[in-house]
Protein backbone atom coordinates (compact mmCIF):
# COMPACT_ATOMS: atom_id res chain seq x y z
CA MET A 1 9.92 -27.36 -11.18
CA THR A 2 9.57 -25.89 -7.69
CA GLU A 3 6.67 -24.17 -5.93
CA THR A 4 6.90 -21.80 -2.96
CA GLN A 5 4.22 -20.23 -0.80
CA THR A 6 4.72 -16.48 -0.54
CA THR A 7 2.87 -13.18 -0.16
CA CYS A 8 2.08 -10.46 -2.68
CA PRO A 9 4.22 -7.37 -1.89
CA TYR A 10 1.91 -4.70 -3.32
CA CYS A 11 -0.99 -3.45 -1.15
CA GLY A 12 -1.89 -4.20 2.46
CA VAL A 13 -4.39 -7.00 1.81
CA GLY A 14 -1.53 -9.50 1.95
CA CYS A 15 -2.76 -12.01 -0.62
CA GLY A 16 -1.19 -15.45 -0.50
CA LEU A 17 0.62 -16.66 -3.61
CA ILE A 18 2.07 -19.86 -5.00
CA ALA A 19 5.21 -18.98 -6.96
CA ARG A 20 6.26 -21.58 -9.50
CA VAL A 21 9.70 -21.76 -11.12
CA GLU A 22 10.01 -23.94 -14.19
CA LYS A 23 12.85 -23.79 -16.72
CA GLY A 24 13.91 -20.42 -15.34
CA GLU A 25 10.45 -18.88 -15.80
CA VAL A 26 8.44 -17.62 -12.82
CA SER A 27 4.66 -17.73 -12.67
CA VAL A 28 2.26 -17.11 -9.80
CA ARG A 29 -1.25 -18.09 -8.84
CA GLY A 30 -3.45 -17.38 -5.87
CA ASP A 31 -3.09 -19.59 -2.81
CA ASP A 32 -6.49 -21.23 -2.27
CA SER A 33 -5.65 -21.93 1.37
CA HIS A 34 -4.62 -18.37 2.30
CA PRO A 35 -7.15 -16.62 4.59
CA ALA A 36 -6.65 -13.17 3.02
CA ASN A 37 -7.62 -13.98 -0.56
CA PHE A 38 -8.59 -17.69 -0.84
CA GLY A 39 -6.98 -17.88 -4.26
CA ARG A 40 -8.20 -14.54 -5.61
CA LEU A 41 -5.70 -12.13 -7.18
CA CYS A 42 -5.93 -8.68 -8.74
CA VAL A 43 -4.25 -7.71 -12.00
CA LYS A 44 -1.00 -6.64 -10.34
CA GLY A 45 -0.72 -9.79 -8.25
CA SER A 46 -1.46 -12.00 -11.25
CA ALA A 47 1.35 -10.34 -13.23
CA LEU A 48 4.02 -10.64 -10.53
CA GLY A 49 5.86 -13.35 -12.41
CA GLU A 50 6.46 -10.93 -15.27
CA THR A 51 8.34 -8.55 -12.97
CA THR A 52 11.13 -11.03 -12.23
CA GLY A 53 12.78 -10.70 -15.64
CA LEU A 54 15.82 -8.51 -16.25
CA ALA A 55 14.67 -6.92 -19.52
CA GLY A 56 14.49 -3.15 -19.26
CA ARG A 57 16.15 -3.00 -15.83
CA LEU A 58 19.17 -0.91 -14.93
CA LEU A 59 21.73 -3.57 -14.00
CA HIS A 60 24.75 -1.31 -13.39
CA PRO A 61 25.15 2.18 -11.91
CA GLU A 62 25.35 5.10 -14.31
CA VAL A 63 26.51 8.70 -14.02
CA ASP A 64 25.38 11.10 -16.75
CA ASN A 65 24.08 8.11 -18.74
CA GLN A 66 27.46 6.40 -18.67
CA PRO A 67 28.11 3.07 -16.90
CA VAL A 68 30.51 3.42 -13.95
CA SER A 69 31.67 1.35 -11.00
CA TRP A 70 29.75 1.29 -7.73
CA GLU A 71 32.63 3.15 -6.08
CA GLN A 72 32.46 5.99 -8.60
CA ALA A 73 28.66 6.16 -8.46
CA LEU A 74 28.63 6.36 -4.64
CA ASP A 75 31.45 8.92 -4.61
CA THR A 76 29.56 11.06 -7.13
CA ALA A 77 26.29 10.91 -5.21
CA GLY A 78 28.08 11.68 -1.94
CA ALA A 79 29.98 14.60 -3.44
CA ARG A 80 26.83 16.15 -4.89
CA LEU A 81 24.96 15.76 -1.60
CA ARG A 82 27.88 17.35 0.26
CA GLU A 83 27.94 20.25 -2.21
CA ILE A 84 24.21 20.90 -1.71
CA ILE A 85 24.50 20.72 2.08
CA GLU A 86 27.53 23.02 2.21
CA GLN A 87 25.79 25.58 0.00
CA HIS A 88 22.22 25.41 1.31
CA GLY A 89 22.35 23.45 4.59
CA PRO A 90 20.97 19.99 5.49
CA GLN A 91 17.36 21.19 5.24
CA ALA A 92 17.84 21.43 1.47
CA VAL A 93 17.87 17.60 1.25
CA ALA A 94 14.77 15.42 1.46
CA PHE A 95 14.08 11.72 0.90
CA TYR A 96 10.77 10.28 -0.28
CA ALA A 97 11.10 6.52 0.00
CA SER A 98 9.08 3.72 -1.52
CA GLY A 99 6.32 1.82 0.25
CA GLN A 100 7.97 -1.47 -0.81
CA LEU A 101 11.17 -1.30 1.26
CA LEU A 102 12.00 -3.75 4.03
CA THR A 103 12.34 -2.65 7.66
CA GLU A 104 16.14 -2.83 7.44
CA ASP A 105 16.10 -0.59 4.35
CA TYR A 106 13.96 2.02 6.13
CA TYR A 107 16.36 1.93 9.09
CA ALA A 108 19.38 2.56 6.87
CA ALA A 109 17.61 5.39 4.98
CA ASN A 110 16.57 7.08 8.24
CA LYS A 111 20.11 6.78 9.63
CA LEU A 112 21.51 8.39 6.49
CA MET A 113 19.06 11.28 6.61
CA LYS A 114 18.84 11.95 10.36
CA GLY A 115 22.21 10.70 11.58
CA PHE A 116 24.56 11.77 8.79
CA ILE A 117 22.84 14.51 6.79
CA GLY A 118 21.33 16.00 9.95
CA ALA A 119 17.72 16.65 8.91
CA ALA A 120 14.41 14.90 9.43
CA ASN A 121 13.11 15.39 5.90
CA ILE A 122 12.25 11.77 5.15
CA ASP A 123 8.86 10.28 4.47
CA THR A 124 7.37 7.32 2.65
CA ASN A 125 4.19 6.41 0.86
CA SER A 126 3.69 3.61 3.39
CA ARG A 127 3.21 6.22 6.14
CA LEU A 128 1.40 8.94 4.22
CA CYS A 129 -1.25 6.64 2.78
CA MET A 130 -2.18 5.46 6.29
CA SER A 131 -1.60 8.66 8.26
CA SER A 132 -5.27 9.50 8.86
CA ALA A 133 -6.07 5.91 9.86
CA VAL A 134 -3.09 5.80 12.23
CA VAL A 135 -4.24 9.00 13.97
CA GLY A 136 -7.74 7.55 14.33
CA TYR A 137 -6.43 4.27 15.76
CA LYS A 138 -4.17 6.04 18.26
CA ARG A 139 -6.92 8.36 19.46
CA ALA A 140 -9.51 5.59 19.69
CA PHE A 141 -7.41 2.66 20.92
CA GLY A 142 -4.18 4.22 22.21
CA GLU A 143 -1.93 2.61 19.60
CA ASP A 144 -1.55 2.06 15.89
CA VAL A 145 -3.34 -1.27 15.72
CA VAL A 146 -5.96 -2.52 13.30
CA PRO A 147 -8.78 -3.86 15.51
CA CYS A 148 -10.62 -5.89 12.88
CA SER A 149 -10.22 -8.96 10.70
CA TYR A 150 -11.26 -9.83 7.16
CA GLU A 151 -13.46 -12.51 8.72
CA ASP A 152 -15.63 -9.69 10.09
CA ILE A 153 -16.96 -9.16 6.55
CA GLU A 154 -18.87 -12.43 6.73
CA GLN A 155 -20.06 -11.74 10.28
CA THR A 156 -21.37 -8.18 9.99
CA ASP A 157 -24.68 -6.74 8.85
CA LEU A 158 -23.29 -3.30 7.94
CA VAL A 159 -20.18 -2.15 6.07
CA VAL A 160 -19.47 1.58 5.72
CA LEU A 161 -16.88 2.62 3.12
CA VAL A 162 -15.64 6.20 3.52
CA GLY A 163 -13.91 7.71 0.48
CA SER A 164 -12.92 4.25 -0.69
CA ASN A 165 -13.33 2.92 -4.20
CA ALA A 166 -12.52 -0.62 -3.13
CA ALA A 167 -13.73 -2.07 -6.43
CA TRP A 168 -10.64 -0.55 -8.06
CA THR A 169 -8.14 -0.14 -5.24
CA HIS A 170 -8.73 -3.41 -3.34
CA PRO A 171 -10.52 -5.68 -5.82
CA VAL A 172 -9.80 -8.88 -3.91
CA LEU A 173 -11.34 -7.53 -0.71
CA TYR A 174 -14.20 -6.03 -2.73
CA GLN A 175 -14.96 -9.42 -4.27
CA ARG A 176 -15.07 -10.92 -0.78
CA LEU A 177 -17.53 -8.23 0.29
CA LEU A 178 -19.61 -8.85 -2.84
CA GLN A 179 -19.75 -12.57 -2.10
CA ALA A 180 -20.65 -11.98 1.55
CA LYS A 181 -23.48 -9.70 0.45
CA SER A 182 -24.83 -12.30 -1.94
CA VAL A 183 -24.76 -14.98 0.78
CA ASN A 184 -26.24 -12.69 3.45
CA PRO A 185 -29.04 -10.49 2.00
CA ALA A 186 -29.25 -8.67 5.36
CA LEU A 187 -25.75 -7.22 4.83
CA LYS A 188 -26.01 -3.53 3.94
CA VAL A 189 -23.27 -1.45 2.33
CA VAL A 190 -23.04 2.32 2.76
CA VAL A 191 -20.61 4.33 0.63
CA ILE A 192 -19.70 7.85 1.77
CA ASP A 193 -17.99 9.57 -1.15
CA PRO A 194 -18.59 12.74 -3.19
CA ARG A 195 -17.92 10.66 -6.31
CA ARG A 196 -20.07 7.89 -7.73
CA THR A 197 -17.47 5.16 -8.15
CA ALA A 198 -17.70 1.54 -9.21
CA THR A 199 -17.98 0.58 -5.55
CA CYS A 200 -21.35 2.33 -5.40
CA ASP A 201 -22.75 -0.42 -7.63
CA ILE A 202 -23.25 -2.63 -4.57
CA ALA A 203 -24.17 0.19 -2.17
CA ASP A 204 -27.57 0.14 -0.51
CA LEU A 205 -26.97 3.81 0.30
CA HIS A 206 -24.59 6.25 -1.38
CA LEU A 207 -24.04 9.48 0.54
CA ALA A 208 -22.63 11.84 -2.09
CA LEU A 209 -21.44 14.51 0.32
CA THR A 210 -20.27 17.93 -0.71
CA PRO A 211 -16.45 17.84 -0.45
CA GLY A 212 -15.37 19.07 3.00
CA SER A 213 -18.66 18.27 4.72
CA ASP A 214 -17.71 14.80 5.98
CA ALA A 215 -16.63 16.13 9.38
CA GLY A 216 -20.14 17.51 9.88
CA LEU A 217 -21.64 14.13 9.05
CA PHE A 218 -19.47 12.27 11.54
CA VAL A 219 -20.05 14.83 14.30
CA GLY A 220 -23.76 14.51 13.66
CA LEU A 221 -23.58 10.72 13.88
CA LEU A 222 -21.67 10.92 17.16
CA ASN A 223 -24.41 13.13 18.59
CA ALA A 224 -27.32 11.12 17.20
C-alpha cells in the first residue's frame, strides 16, 4: 500500500488529496494539512479514485467505429483536415480544448492550429470561464493576477458574491465561508444574483437584480 500527496485536477480551488493505492485499487481522501481545503472534498473530488479504472474507456484509436493503428488514425484525421482546408480554407477549422490539459498540451494544440493550419480559431474552457475576471484584474492591477488568498475569508467582515452559486459550484470554499461566518458573527455575506440560489441561504442581503442591471449597480457604488 502506498500513499501520495497530490492535488485535485477539477476546479480552481486546488484541494489537496491523499491518493492511496492498495492491491491495484485507487482511493482518495482530503489532505487535512492542505491550506486550500483542510481535508474537505466535494463529490467530484471524493470520486476521483473511480476515474482511474479502464472500464468504458476507448483504449485504441477507431475510424468509423473500427479499431485501427495509430498511424492509420492520424493519417485519416490529417487527410480529412487537409480536405476541409483545401475546400473551405483554414478559417473553416476550429479547436475547443479542455480545461484539464497541461501547459505542454496547450502549446502543442496552439502550434497545430496557428502554425500548421494557419488560423487562430482555438479557445478553451479554462480561458472562457475566467475571461471577465482576467479583464478586471488587468484593468485594476495591470496583470492577470489574483490579489487575494483563501485566508482572507477568516479575516474579513464582508464577502460579496456576484452571480456565484458557490454552494453548488465551489462547495469546499462555501463550507469554509460558512464556518468563518459561524465563528465570526460580524461577518456579513451579500449575494448579487437575479436568481435565489442555495448560496442565498447564508446571505445577510440578497440583491435580486433585474438581469442586465448589474452595471448600473456597480457604477452607482463607485460614485457613492
